[in-house]
C-alpha atoms as a PDB file:
ATOM      1  CA  MET A   1      84.876 124.987  81.789  1.00  0.00           C
ATOM      2  CA  GLU A   2      83.541 121.085  80.415  1.00  0.00           C
ATOM      3  CA  LEU A   3      85.541 118.558  81.619  1.00  0.00           C
ATOM      4  CA  ASN A   4      87.592 115.869  79.223  1.00  0.00           C
ATOM      5  CA  GLU A   5      87.568 112.653  79.360  1.00  0.00           C
ATOM      6  CA  VAL A   6      90.808 112.037  77.260  1.00  0.00           C
ATOM      7  CA  THR A   7      92.584 114.841  78.833  1.00  0.00           C
ATOM      8  CA  ILE A   8      91.658 113.273  82.678  1.00  0.00           C
ATOM      9  CA  THR A   9      93.347 110.389  80.713  1.00  0.00           C
ATOM     10  CA  ARG A  10      96.124 111.944  79.786  1.00  0.00           C
ATOM     11  CA  ALA A  11      96.989 113.550  82.760  1.00  0.00           C
ATOM     12  CA  ILE A  12      97.234 110.371  84.317  1.00  0.00           C
ATOM     13  CA  ILE A  13      99.227 108.524  81.235  1.00  0.00           C
ATOM     14  CA  ASP A  14     101.548 111.328  81.049  1.00  0.00           C
ATOM     15  CA  ARG A  15     102.406 112.268  84.978  1.00  0.00           C
ATOM     16  CA  PHE A  16     102.634 108.045  85.852  1.00  0.00           C
ATOM     17  CA  HIS A  17     105.282 108.104  82.892  1.00  0.00           C
ATOM     18  CA  GLU A  18     107.109 111.194  83.838  1.00  0.00           C
ATOM     19  CA  LYS A  19     107.171 109.227  87.416  1.00  0.00           C
ATOM     20  CA  LEU A  20     108.012 106.257  86.324  1.00  0.00           C
ATOM     21  CA  ARG A  21     110.710 107.428  83.706  1.00  0.00           C
ATOM     22  CA  ASP A  22     112.334 110.023  86.694  1.00  0.00           C
ATOM     23  CA  ASN A  23     112.663 106.760  89.179  1.00  0.00           C
ATOM     24  CA  LEU A  24     114.738 104.311  86.192  1.00  0.00           C
ATOM     25  CA  ASP A  25     117.960 104.869  88.170  1.00  0.00           C
ATOM     26  CA  VAL A  26     117.630 105.374  91.763  1.00  0.00           C
ATOM     27  CA  ASP A  27     120.043 105.511  94.870  1.00  0.00           C
ATOM     28  CA  VAL A  28     117.721 102.881  97.382  1.00  0.00           C
ATOM     29  CA  ALA A  29     115.137 100.623  96.087  1.00  0.00           C
ATOM     30  CA  VAL A  30     112.855  99.480  98.663  1.00  0.00           C
ATOM     31  CA  VAL A  31     110.626  96.650  98.078  1.00  0.00           C
ATOM     32  CA  GLY A  32     107.070  96.327 100.010  1.00  0.00           C
ATOM     33  CA  GLY A  33     105.622  99.469 101.711  1.00  0.00           C
ATOM     34  CA  GLY A  34     104.664  97.804 105.262  1.00  0.00           C
ATOM     35  CA  PRO A  35     106.014  99.895 108.258  1.00  0.00           C
ATOM     36  CA  SER A  36     110.002  98.889 107.935  1.00  0.00           C
ATOM     37  CA  GLY A  37     109.856  99.953 104.149  1.00  0.00           C
ATOM     38  CA  LEU A  38     108.521 103.228 105.369  1.00  0.00           C
ATOM     39  CA  VAL A  39     110.093 104.149 108.151  1.00  0.00           C
ATOM     40  CA  ALA A  40     113.218 103.245 105.886  1.00  0.00           C
ATOM     41  CA  GLY A  41     112.128 105.318 102.756  1.00  0.00           C
ATOM     42  CA  TYR A  42     111.399 108.458 104.702  1.00  0.00           C
ATOM     43  CA  TYR A  43     114.762 108.208 106.507  1.00  0.00           C
ATOM     44  CA  LEU A  44     116.697 108.245 102.962  1.00  0.00           C
ATOM     45  CA  ALA A  45     114.958 110.339 101.166  1.00  0.00           C
ATOM     46  CA  ARG A  46     114.941 113.152 104.163  1.00  0.00           C
ATOM     47  CA  GLY A  47     118.568 112.718 104.054  1.00  0.00           C
ATOM     48  CA  GLY A  48     118.271 113.693 100.023  1.00  0.00           C
ATOM     49  CA  LYS A  49     118.277 110.311  98.698  1.00  0.00           C
ATOM     50  CA  LYS A  50     116.435 108.898  95.474  1.00  0.00           C
ATOM     51  CA  VAL A  51     114.602 106.415  96.586  1.00  0.00           C
ATOM     52  CA  SER A  52     111.761 104.239  94.925  1.00  0.00           C
ATOM     53  CA  LEU A  53     109.101 101.582  97.022  1.00  0.00           C
ATOM     54  CA  TYR A  54     107.635  98.915  95.224  1.00  0.00           C
ATOM     55  CA  GLU A  55     104.267  96.906  96.821  1.00  0.00           C
ATOM     56  CA  ARG A  56     102.507  94.204  95.042  1.00  0.00           C
ATOM     57  CA  LYS A  57      99.461  94.615  97.142  1.00  0.00           C
ATOM     58  CA  LEU A  58      96.973  97.776  95.980  1.00  0.00           C
ATOM     59  CA  SER A  59      97.626  99.227  99.552  1.00  0.00           C
ATOM     60  CA  VAL A  60     100.580  99.588 101.027  1.00  0.00           C
ATOM     61  CA  GLY A  61     100.982  99.229 104.956  1.00  0.00           C
ATOM     62  CA  GLY A  62     101.661  95.317 105.371  1.00  0.00           C
ATOM     63  CA  GLY A  63     100.334  93.818 108.048  1.00  0.00           C
ATOM     64  CA  MET A  64      99.587  97.383 110.354  1.00  0.00           C
ATOM     65  CA  TRP A  65      96.349  97.693 109.242  1.00  0.00           C
ATOM     66  CA  GLY A  66      94.750  95.420 110.953  1.00  0.00           C
ATOM     67  CA  GLY A  67      96.800  95.399 114.068  1.00  0.00           C
ATOM     68  CA  GLY A  68      96.257  92.206 116.302  1.00  0.00           C
ATOM     69  CA  MET A  69      93.458  90.061 114.532  1.00  0.00           C
ATOM     70  CA  MET A  70      91.965  92.858 113.298  1.00  0.00           C
ATOM     71  CA  PHE A  71      91.800  95.209 116.716  1.00  0.00           C
ATOM     72  CA  ASN A  72      93.193  97.861 114.698  1.00  0.00           C
ATOM     73  CA  GLU A  73      95.603  98.923 117.973  1.00  0.00           C
ATOM     74  CA  ILE A  74      99.370  98.209 117.529  1.00  0.00           C
ATOM     75  CA  VAL A  75     101.405  98.037 120.886  1.00  0.00           C
ATOM     76  CA  VAL A  76     105.139 100.075 120.642  1.00  0.00           C
ATOM     77  CA  GLN A  77     107.482 100.160 123.657  1.00  0.00           C
ATOM     78  CA  ASP A  78     109.545 102.748 124.989  1.00  0.00           C
ATOM     79  CA  SER A  79     112.807 102.392 122.951  1.00  0.00           C
ATOM     80  CA  ALA A  80     110.778 102.949 119.495  1.00  0.00           C
ATOM     81  CA  ILE A  81     108.895 106.355 120.810  1.00  0.00           C
ATOM     82  CA  HIS A  82     110.750 108.620 119.361  1.00  0.00           C
ATOM     83  CA  VAL A  83     110.176 107.244 115.534  1.00  0.00           C
ATOM     84  CA  LEU A  84     106.551 107.472 116.420  1.00  0.00           C
ATOM     85  CA  ASP A  85     106.788 111.431 117.367  1.00  0.00           C
ATOM     86  CA  GLU A  86     109.300 111.981 114.454  1.00  0.00           C
ATOM     87  CA  PHE A  87     106.276 111.110 112.390  1.00  0.00           C
ATOM     88  CA  GLY A  88     103.466 112.945 114.894  1.00  0.00           C
ATOM     89  CA  ILE A  89     101.850 110.079 115.481  1.00  0.00           C
ATOM     90  CA  ARG A  90      99.623 109.958 118.690  1.00  0.00           C
ATOM     91  CA  TYR A  91     100.367 106.890 121.275  1.00  0.00           C
ATOM     92  CA  ARG A  92      98.944 106.720 124.793  1.00  0.00           C
ATOM     93  CA  GLU A  93     100.772 104.901 127.553  1.00  0.00           C
ATOM     94  CA  TYR A  94      98.854 101.464 128.467  1.00  0.00           C
ATOM     95  CA  ALA A  95     101.847 100.350 131.311  1.00  0.00           C
ATOM     96  CA  GLU A  96     105.237 100.922 131.738  1.00  0.00           C
ATOM     97  CA  ASN A  97     107.091 100.081 127.975  1.00  0.00           C
ATOM     98  CA  TYR A  98     104.183  99.535 126.913  1.00  0.00           C
ATOM     99  CA  TYR A  99     102.360 102.043 124.532  1.00  0.00           C
ATOM    100  CA  THR A 100      99.200 101.835 122.245  1.00  0.00           C
ATOM    101  CA  ALA A 101      98.462 103.450 118.717  1.00  0.00           C
ATOM    102  CA  ASP A 102      95.660 103.917 116.227  1.00  0.00           C
ATOM    103  CA  SER A 103      96.951 101.474 113.485  1.00  0.00           C
ATOM    104  CA  VAL A 104      94.924 102.747 110.718  1.00  0.00           C
ATOM    105  CA  GLU A 105      96.584 106.559 111.967  1.00  0.00           C
ATOM    106  CA  CYS A 106      99.916 104.811 111.834  1.00  0.00           C
ATOM    107  CA  ILE A 107     100.122 103.591 108.479  1.00  0.00           C
ATOM    108  CA  SER A 108      98.374 106.463 106.829  1.00  0.00           C
ATOM    109  CA  THR A 109     100.708 108.921 108.630  1.00  0.00           C
ATOM    110  CA  MET A 110     104.017 106.986 107.542  1.00  0.00           C
ATOM    111  CA  THR A 111     102.673 106.706 104.028  1.00  0.00           C
ATOM    112  CA  SER A 112     101.950 110.547 103.709  1.00  0.00           C
ATOM    113  CA  ARG A 113     105.251 111.436 105.329  1.00  0.00           C
ATOM    114  CA  ALA A 114     107.442 109.128 103.141  1.00  0.00           C
ATOM    115  CA  VAL A 115     105.777 110.429  99.984  1.00  0.00           C
ATOM    116  CA  GLN A 116     105.757 114.189 101.390  1.00  0.00           C
ATOM    117  CA  SER A 117     109.697 113.429 101.998  1.00  0.00           C
ATOM    118  CA  GLY A 118     110.157 112.181  98.449  1.00  0.00           C
ATOM    119  CA  VAL A 119     109.623 108.716  97.794  1.00  0.00           C
ATOM    120  CA  LYS A 120     107.784 107.440  95.287  1.00  0.00           C
ATOM    121  CA  ILE A 121     105.572 104.667  96.049  1.00  0.00           C
ATOM    122  CA  PHE A 122     104.565 102.234  92.775  1.00  0.00           C
ATOM    123  CA  ASN A 123     102.040 100.226  94.257  1.00  0.00           C
ATOM    124  CA  CYS A 124     100.805  96.598  91.983  1.00  0.00           C
ATOM    125  CA  MET A 125     104.231  96.207  91.262  1.00  0.00           C
ATOM    126  CA  THR A 126     105.829  92.539  92.193  1.00  0.00           C
ATOM    127  CA  VAL A 127     109.457  92.035  91.722  1.00  0.00           C
ATOM    128  CA  GLU A 128     109.945  88.697  89.960  1.00  0.00           C
ATOM    129  CA  ASP A 129     113.710  88.787  89.497  1.00  0.00           C
ATOM    130  CA  VAL A 130     116.564  91.172  90.301  1.00  0.00           C
ATOM    131  CA  MET A 131     119.809  92.533  87.949  1.00  0.00           C
ATOM    132  CA  MET A 132     122.862  91.153  88.736  1.00  0.00           C
ATOM    133  CA  ARG A 133     126.433  92.055  88.116  1.00  0.00           C
ATOM    134  CA  THR A 134     129.806  89.906  89.425  1.00  0.00           C
ATOM    135  CA  ASN A 135     128.664  89.078  92.891  1.00  0.00           C
ATOM    136  CA  LEU A 136     126.383  92.061  93.509  1.00  0.00           C
ATOM    137  CA  ILE A 137     122.886  93.001  93.193  1.00  0.00           C
ATOM    138  CA  THR A 138     122.154  96.635  90.987  1.00  0.00           C
ATOM    139  CA  GLY A 139     118.594  96.626  90.524  1.00  0.00           C
ATOM    140  CA  LEU A 140     114.976  95.214  90.047  1.00  0.00           C
ATOM    141  CA  VAL A 141     113.515  93.776  87.467  1.00  0.00           C
ATOM    142  CA  LEU A 142     109.318  94.566  87.610  1.00  0.00           C
ATOM    143  CA  ASN A 143     106.220  93.463  86.394  1.00  0.00           C
ATOM    144  CA  TRP A 144     102.718  94.677  87.260  1.00  0.00           C
ATOM    145  CA  THR A 145     100.865  92.204  90.135  1.00  0.00           C
ATOM    146  CA  ALA A 146      98.228  91.389  88.158  1.00  0.00           C
ATOM    147  CA  VAL A 147     100.290  89.843  85.366  1.00  0.00           C
ATOM    148  CA  ASP A 148     101.571  87.864  87.808  1.00  0.00           C
ATOM    149  CA  MET A 149      98.359  86.370  89.366  1.00  0.00           C
ATOM    150  CA  ALA A 150      96.945  85.649  85.787  1.00  0.00           C
ATOM    151  CA  GLY A 151     100.125  83.959  84.554  1.00  0.00           C
ATOM    152  CA  LEU A 152     100.386  85.444  81.536  1.00  0.00           C
ATOM    153  CA  HIS A 153     103.745  85.409  79.798  1.00  0.00           C
ATOM    154  CA  VAL A 154     104.657  89.358  79.902  1.00  0.00           C
ATOM    155  CA  ASP A 155     108.497  90.669  79.611  1.00  0.00           C
ATOM    156  CA  PRO A 156     108.975  92.566  82.758  1.00  0.00           C
ATOM    157  CA  LEU A 157     111.279  96.199  83.043  1.00  0.00           C
ATOM    158  CA  VAL A 158     114.305  96.773  84.991  1.00  0.00           C
ATOM    159  CA  ILE A 159     115.131 100.013  87.509  1.00  0.00           C
ATOM    160  CA  ARG A 160     118.723 100.369  88.787  1.00  0.00           C
ATOM    161  CA  SER A 161     119.586 101.199  92.159  1.00  0.00           C
ATOM    162  CA  LYS A 162     123.003 101.459  94.207  1.00  0.00           C
ATOM    163  CA  PHE A 163     120.944  99.178  97.254  1.00  0.00           C
ATOM    164  CA  VAL A 164     117.815  97.211  97.879  1.00  0.00           C
ATOM    165  CA  ILE A 165     115.922  96.634 100.828  1.00  0.00           C
ATOM    166  CA  ASP A 166     113.826  93.373 100.898  1.00  0.00           C
ATOM    167  CA  ALA A 167     111.277  94.863 103.397  1.00  0.00           C
ATOM    168  CA  THR A 168     108.777  92.160 102.006  1.00  0.00           C
ATOM    169  CA  GLY A 169     107.913  90.561 105.338  1.00  0.00           C
ATOM    170  CA  HIS A 170     107.847  86.977 106.346  1.00  0.00           C
ATOM    171  CA  ASP A 171     107.605  86.225 102.550  1.00  0.00           C
ATOM    172  CA  THR A 172     111.270  87.489 102.244  1.00  0.00           C
ATOM    173  CA  GLU A 173     110.577  87.596  98.370  1.00  0.00           C
ATOM    174  CA  VAL A 174     113.717  89.076  96.996  1.00  0.00           C
ATOM    175  CA  VAL A 175     116.070  86.868  99.150  1.00  0.00           C
ATOM    176  CA  ARG A 176     114.496  84.272  97.684  1.00  0.00           C
ATOM    177  CA  VAL A 177     115.168  85.068  94.307  1.00  0.00           C
ATOM    178  CA  VAL A 178     118.809  85.697  95.037  1.00  0.00           C
ATOM    179  CA  GLN A 179     118.987  82.754  96.714  1.00  0.00           C
ATOM    180  CA  ARG A 180     117.410  80.863  94.080  1.00  0.00           C
ATOM    181  CA  LYS A 181     119.539  82.733  90.994  1.00  0.00           C
ATOM    182  CA  VAL A 182     122.100  84.149  92.161  1.00  0.00           C
ATOM    183  CA  PRO A 183     125.746  82.916  92.300  1.00  0.00           C
ATOM    184  CA  GLY A 184     127.280  83.186  95.499  1.00  0.00           C
ATOM    185  CA  GLU A 185     126.050  82.624  99.246  1.00  0.00           C
ATOM    186  CA  LEU A 186     123.532  84.777 101.650  1.00  0.00           C
ATOM    187  CA  LYS A 187     125.194  86.192 104.369  1.00  0.00           C
ATOM    188  CA  THR A 188     123.796  83.801 107.225  1.00  0.00           C
ATOM    189  CA  SER A 189     125.460  80.584 108.717  1.00  0.00           C
ATOM    190  CA  THR A 190     124.226  78.516 106.340  1.00  0.00           C
ATOM    191  CA  GLY A 191     124.343  80.724 102.969  1.00  0.00           C
ATOM    192  CA  LYS A 192     120.708  79.874 102.964  1.00  0.00           C
ATOM    193  CA  ILE A 193     117.334  81.767 104.164  1.00  0.00           C
ATOM    194  CA  GLU A 194     117.151  80.707 107.779  1.00  0.00           C
ATOM    195  CA  GLY A 195     113.516  80.564 108.132  1.00  0.00           C
ATOM    196  CA  GLU A 196     110.717  82.176 110.298  1.00  0.00           C
ATOM    197  CA  LYS A 197     110.419  80.563 113.577  1.00  0.00           C
ATOM    198  CA  SER A 198     107.106  80.530 115.964  1.00  0.00           C
ATOM    199  CA  MET A 199     106.559  83.429 118.167  1.00  0.00           C
ATOM    200  CA  TRP A 200     108.671  84.881 120.856  1.00  0.00           C
ATOM    201  CA  ALA A 201     107.498  88.800 121.326  1.00  0.00           C
ATOM    202  CA  GLU A 202     110.787  90.109 123.317  1.00  0.00           C
ATOM    203  CA  ARG A 203     113.355  87.817 121.316  1.00  0.00           C
ATOM    204  CA  ALA A 204     112.122  88.921 118.053  1.00  0.00           C
ATOM    205  CA  GLU A 205     111.732  92.766 118.831  1.00  0.00           C
ATOM    206  CA  SER A 206     115.463  92.826 119.756  1.00  0.00           C
ATOM    207  CA  LEU A 207     116.358  90.800 117.262  1.00  0.00           C
ATOM    208  CA  THR A 208     114.645  92.646 114.406  1.00  0.00           C
ATOM    209  CA  PRO A 209     116.626  95.414 114.429  1.00  0.00           C
ATOM    210  CA  GLU A 210     119.921  93.146 114.938  1.00  0.00           C
ATOM    211  CA  ASN A 211     119.213  91.639 111.938  1.00  0.00           C
ATOM    212  CA  THR A 212     119.135  94.507 110.064  1.00  0.00           C
ATOM    213  CA  ARG A 213     121.840  94.242 107.569  1.00  0.00           C
ATOM    214  CA  GLU A 214     123.214  93.371 104.024  1.00  0.00           C
ATOM    215  CA  VAL A 215     122.070  90.018 103.457  1.00  0.00           C
ATOM    216  CA  PHE A 216     124.013  89.879  99.991  1.00  0.00           C
ATOM    217  CA  PRO A 217     126.628  92.316  98.339  1.00  0.00           C
ATOM    218  CA  GLY A 218     123.984  95.577  97.827  1.00  0.00           C
ATOM    219  CA  LEU A 219     120.968  93.727  99.548  1.00  0.00           C
ATOM    220  CA  TYR A 220     119.757  94.577 103.009  1.00  0.00           C
ATOM    221  CA  VAL A 221     116.637  93.030 104.986  1.00  0.00           C
ATOM    222  CA  ALA A 222     114.576  94.940 107.233  1.00  0.00           C
ATOM    223  CA  GLY A 223     111.421  94.117 109.244  1.00  0.00           C
ATOM    224  CA  MET A 224     109.836  90.847 109.387  1.00  0.00           C
ATOM    225  CA  ALA A 225     111.771  89.859 106.089  1.00  0.00           C
ATOM    226  CA  ALA A 226     115.282  90.121 108.568  1.00  0.00           C
ATOM    227  CA  ASN A 227     114.339  87.613 111.212  1.00  0.00           C
ATOM    228  CA  ALA A 228     112.917  85.227 108.942  1.00  0.00           C
ATOM    229  CA  THR A 229     116.118  84.961 106.689  1.00  0.00           C
ATOM    230  CA  PHE A 230     118.581  84.879 109.664  1.00  0.00           C
ATOM    231  CA  GLY A 231     116.163  82.523 111.623  1.00  0.00           C
ATOM    232  CA  GLU A 232     114.416  83.999 114.390  1.00  0.00           C
ATOM    233  CA  PRO A 233     110.932  84.333 115.574  1.00  0.00           C
ATOM    234  CA  ARG A 234     108.129  86.694 114.433  1.00  0.00           C
ATOM    235  CA  MET A 235     106.696  89.308 117.359  1.00  0.00           C
ATOM    236  CA  GLY A 236     103.293  89.856 116.232  1.00  0.00           C
ATOM    237  CA  PRO A 237     101.352  93.094 116.657  1.00  0.00           C
ATOM    238  CA  ILE A 238     103.895  94.872 118.583  1.00  0.00           C
ATOM    239  CA  PHE A 239     105.902  97.008 115.917  1.00  0.00           C
ATOM    240  CA  GLY A 240     109.149  98.936 117.733  1.00  0.00           C
ATOM    241  CA  GLY A 241     111.238  96.800 116.421  1.00  0.00           C
ATOM    242  CA  MET A 242     110.090  97.067 112.613  1.00  0.00           C
ATOM    243  CA  LEU A 243     109.949 100.861 113.323  1.00  0.00           C
ATOM    244  CA  LEU A 244     113.607 100.934 114.331  1.00  0.00           C
ATOM    245  CA  SER A 245     115.138  98.473 112.010  1.00  0.00           C
ATOM    246  CA  GLY A 246     113.887 101.022 109.594  1.00  0.00           C
ATOM    247  CA  GLU A 247     115.361 103.536 111.496  1.00  0.00           C
ATOM    248  CA  LYS A 248     119.140 101.695 111.244  1.00  0.00           C
ATOM    249  CA  VAL A 249     119.036 100.291 107.808  1.00  0.00           C
ATOM    250  CA  ALA A 250     117.847 103.962 106.443  1.00  0.00           C
ATOM    251  CA  GLY A 251     121.051 105.149 108.673  1.00  0.00           C
ATOM    252  CA  GLU A 252     123.081 102.536 107.272  1.00  0.00           C
ATOM    253  CA  LEU A 253     122.716 103.244 103.636  1.00  0.00           C
ATOM    254  CA  MET A 254     123.290 106.758 104.227  1.00  0.00           C
ATOM    255  CA  GLU A 255     126.522 106.593 105.472  1.00  0.00           C
ATOM    256  CA  ARG A 256     127.308 103.908 102.514  1.00  0.00           C
ATOM    257  CA  LEU A 257     126.015 106.492  99.792  1.00  0.00           C
ATOM    258  CA  ARG A 258     127.705 109.461 101.780  1.00  0.00           C
ATOM    259  CA  ALA A 259     131.302 106.994 101.269  1.00  0.00           C
END
């Protein structure tokens, strides 16, 4: 049978529009496709919640692809090994409490499992604003990353969500929008973003899950965005805290969505 270029194009347009249209109103919108965002989305979707994930880059994965300084291996500690087991990711013990895993296998497997669990991923999309009501974040204002990069004056579109997770890493992109534009204060000691501190792996790893919480009504922070928001250190290429952060925020939101 002859292949028709117009049919190919129509198939892509129809299927993408179907996916976009069906995800204009979701339970949870995740911003940032790094490990914490993918883990959170996976657990939420596996629990039957409607989840969409928005990544400004062409590929998801955040900083995990490159491991440490482009040595594509990562380290995970004992407390987070069960998350690797959940995803079926292989690892090897290096020393007591230190396990290594191939970073490409990690992020590709997490991405695949998240999509197969029901997470709808929209790449090349940038969150330029949030939707708000009185003291509450109710959704995201989206545009194409290429529009943002080119500085074009193109109006955005919106999606509505019961909760938003900022998993954008060091940049805390959604929290910065809220701090700048939404009335009220963040749930930090100063009411503002405290700012990421220099590397201290042990402290950062323990505090990443601890700082994973609601920072403004309707808005949670996860992964490195949590530490940057609450003024704690970075951790480098050890990823246990990131995985546990995604698991924690998913668990908390499952409880709230059941309420």
